[in-house]
Protein backbone atom coordinates (compact mmCIF):
# COMPACT_ATOMS: atom_id res chain seq x y z
CA MET A 1 -30.22 -35.38 40.39
CA SER A 2 -32.89 -37.57 41.68
CA SER A 3 -34.13 -37.43 45.25
CA SER A 4 -32.04 -39.61 47.55
CA THR A 5 -34.67 -39.39 50.63
CA GLN A 6 -34.84 -42.55 52.57
CA SER A 7 -35.40 -43.45 56.05
CA VAL A 8 -32.77 -45.39 57.83
CA SER A 9 -31.79 -46.25 61.62
CA ILE A 10 -29.42 -43.75 63.15
CA GLU A 11 -26.89 -46.48 63.68
CA ALA A 12 -26.50 -46.36 59.73
CA PHE A 13 -25.45 -42.78 59.75
CA PRO A 14 -21.86 -41.38 59.64
CA VAL A 15 -19.80 -41.33 62.72
CA PRO A 16 -20.09 -37.56 63.34
CA VAL A 17 -23.83 -37.69 63.50
CA GLN A 18 -23.85 -40.68 65.97
CA ALA A 19 -21.00 -38.91 68.01
CA PHE A 20 -23.20 -35.70 68.23
CA PHE A 21 -26.22 -37.44 69.86
CA ALA A 22 -23.88 -39.55 72.04
CA ALA A 23 -22.04 -36.45 73.34
CA MET A 24 -25.24 -34.47 73.72
CA ASN A 25 -26.79 -37.34 76.00
CA ASP A 26 -23.47 -37.70 77.86
CA HIS A 27 -23.53 -33.69 78.44
CA ASP A 28 -19.92 -33.66 77.01
CA ALA A 29 -19.14 -30.15 75.95
CA ASP A 30 -15.54 -31.02 74.66
CA ALA A 31 -16.78 -33.75 72.45
CA LEU A 32 -19.51 -31.75 70.95
CA VAL A 33 -17.35 -28.80 70.04
CA ALA A 34 -14.63 -31.07 68.67
CA LEU A 35 -17.08 -32.36 65.98
CA PHE A 36 -17.16 -28.90 64.27
CA PRO A 37 -14.26 -27.45 62.05
CA GLU A 38 -12.70 -24.10 62.80
CA ASP A 39 -15.23 -22.49 60.53
CA GLY A 40 -18.26 -24.74 61.53
CA MET A 41 -21.54 -23.17 61.94
CA VAL A 42 -24.77 -23.90 64.08
CA ASN A 43 -28.15 -22.32 63.38
CA ASP A 44 -30.36 -23.16 66.34
CA ILE A 45 -33.89 -21.96 65.58
CA GLN A 46 -32.73 -18.90 63.59
CA ARG A 47 -29.77 -18.15 65.53
CA GLU A 48 -26.33 -18.51 64.27
CA PHE A 49 -23.14 -19.60 66.03
CA TRP A 50 -19.91 -19.63 63.96
CA GLY A 51 -16.61 -21.11 65.00
CA PRO A 52 -15.56 -23.15 68.24
CA GLY A 53 -15.80 -20.17 70.73
CA SER A 54 -19.46 -19.55 69.74
CA ILE A 55 -20.38 -23.02 69.35
CA ARG A 56 -18.89 -23.76 72.88
CA ARG A 57 -20.95 -20.86 74.34
CA TRP A 58 -24.06 -22.36 72.72
CA VAL A 59 -23.42 -25.90 73.92
CA GLU A 60 -22.65 -24.98 77.45
CA LYS A 61 -25.57 -22.68 77.79
CA GLU A 62 -28.23 -24.67 75.79
CA ILE A 63 -27.14 -28.31 75.85
CA THR A 64 -24.89 -29.27 78.73
CA GLY A 65 -26.02 -26.39 80.89
CA VAL A 66 -29.56 -27.72 80.97
CA LYS A 67 -28.81 -31.31 80.46
CA VAL A 68 -30.67 -31.60 77.03
CA VAL A 69 -31.01 -35.19 75.74
CA ALA A 70 -32.35 -36.65 72.59
CA ALA A 71 -34.83 -39.05 74.52
CA ARG A 72 -36.00 -40.70 71.43
CA ILE A 73 -35.27 -40.53 67.61
CA THR A 74 -38.42 -40.07 65.81
CA GLU A 75 -37.33 -40.08 62.30
CA ALA A 76 -33.88 -40.22 60.44
CA LYS A 77 -33.01 -39.96 56.79
CA GLU A 78 -30.61 -38.90 54.22
CA HIS A 79 -31.38 -36.33 51.67
CA TYR A 80 -28.94 -35.25 48.94
CA GLY A 81 -25.93 -35.81 51.19
CA ASP A 82 -27.36 -34.33 54.32
CA VAL A 83 -28.31 -36.38 57.27
CA ILE A 84 -31.83 -35.37 58.67
CA VAL A 85 -32.65 -36.48 62.25
CA SER A 86 -35.85 -35.66 64.30
CA ALA A 87 -35.72 -36.45 67.94
CA ALA A 88 -38.04 -36.01 71.07
CA MET A 89 -36.06 -33.77 73.46
CA ASP A 90 -35.92 -33.69 77.29
CA GLY A 91 -33.86 -31.98 79.71
CA GLU A 92 -33.87 -29.44 82.61
CA TYR A 93 -34.67 -26.44 80.40
CA ASP A 94 -37.78 -24.33 81.05
CA LYS A 95 -40.55 -26.23 79.45
CA THR A 96 -43.14 -23.42 79.90
CA LYS A 97 -45.03 -22.84 76.63
CA VAL A 98 -42.96 -25.75 74.98
CA PRO A 99 -44.82 -28.44 73.05
CA ASP A 100 -44.98 -31.86 74.86
CA PRO A 101 -43.14 -33.83 73.31
CA LEU A 102 -40.71 -31.23 71.96
CA ILE A 103 -39.63 -32.54 68.62
CA LEU A 104 -36.60 -30.89 67.08
CA THR A 105 -35.14 -31.59 63.64
CA TYR A 106 -31.32 -31.67 63.16
CA TYR A 107 -30.13 -31.04 59.56
CA PHE A 108 -26.38 -32.15 59.36
CA THR A 109 -24.09 -31.21 56.56
CA LEU A 110 -20.68 -33.12 56.87
CA SER A 111 -17.40 -32.56 55.49
CA GLY A 112 -15.31 -35.66 56.04
CA ASP A 113 -15.47 -36.67 59.76
CA ARG A 114 -16.69 -33.20 60.92
CA ILE A 115 -20.00 -31.31 60.97
CA ALA A 116 -19.63 -28.28 58.63
CA ARG A 117 -23.18 -27.01 59.37
CA LEU A 118 -26.01 -27.89 61.68
CA PHE A 119 -29.57 -26.34 61.34
CA ILE A 120 -31.88 -27.25 64.16
CA SER A 121 -35.59 -26.33 63.73
CA GLY A 122 -38.90 -27.07 65.60
CA ASN A 123 -40.87 -27.88 62.55
CA LYS A 124 -44.60 -28.13 62.08
CA PRO A 125 -46.27 -30.30 59.54
CA GLY A 126 -46.75 -28.72 56.12
CA TYR A 127 -49.96 -28.95 54.05
């Protein structure tokens, strides 16, 4: 299988990815949770949240609770069927010891019109 990495605009991505960032920026917990199936999983910087109850607690505490927004998409691409989006983040969270800008990378694995897995990482450049 050859690499399918290519940069594209966020508007070209599947609806669940667009809906995730729209719901995040609207602080809509119900819409965010609805994007995941019953066995969906979020890994947010090495912490796992499985299923709607756990994902809802994560959303309410760490997204809608502190009004996190993706202020600016810095990179977007598809890679072997996954959608990878890096964004400069903002919100009312504690910014002590947090890089400015805070860039997080979201790795989406989709199953139909749902987000089966979402990995979030604060990456640093490699060699």
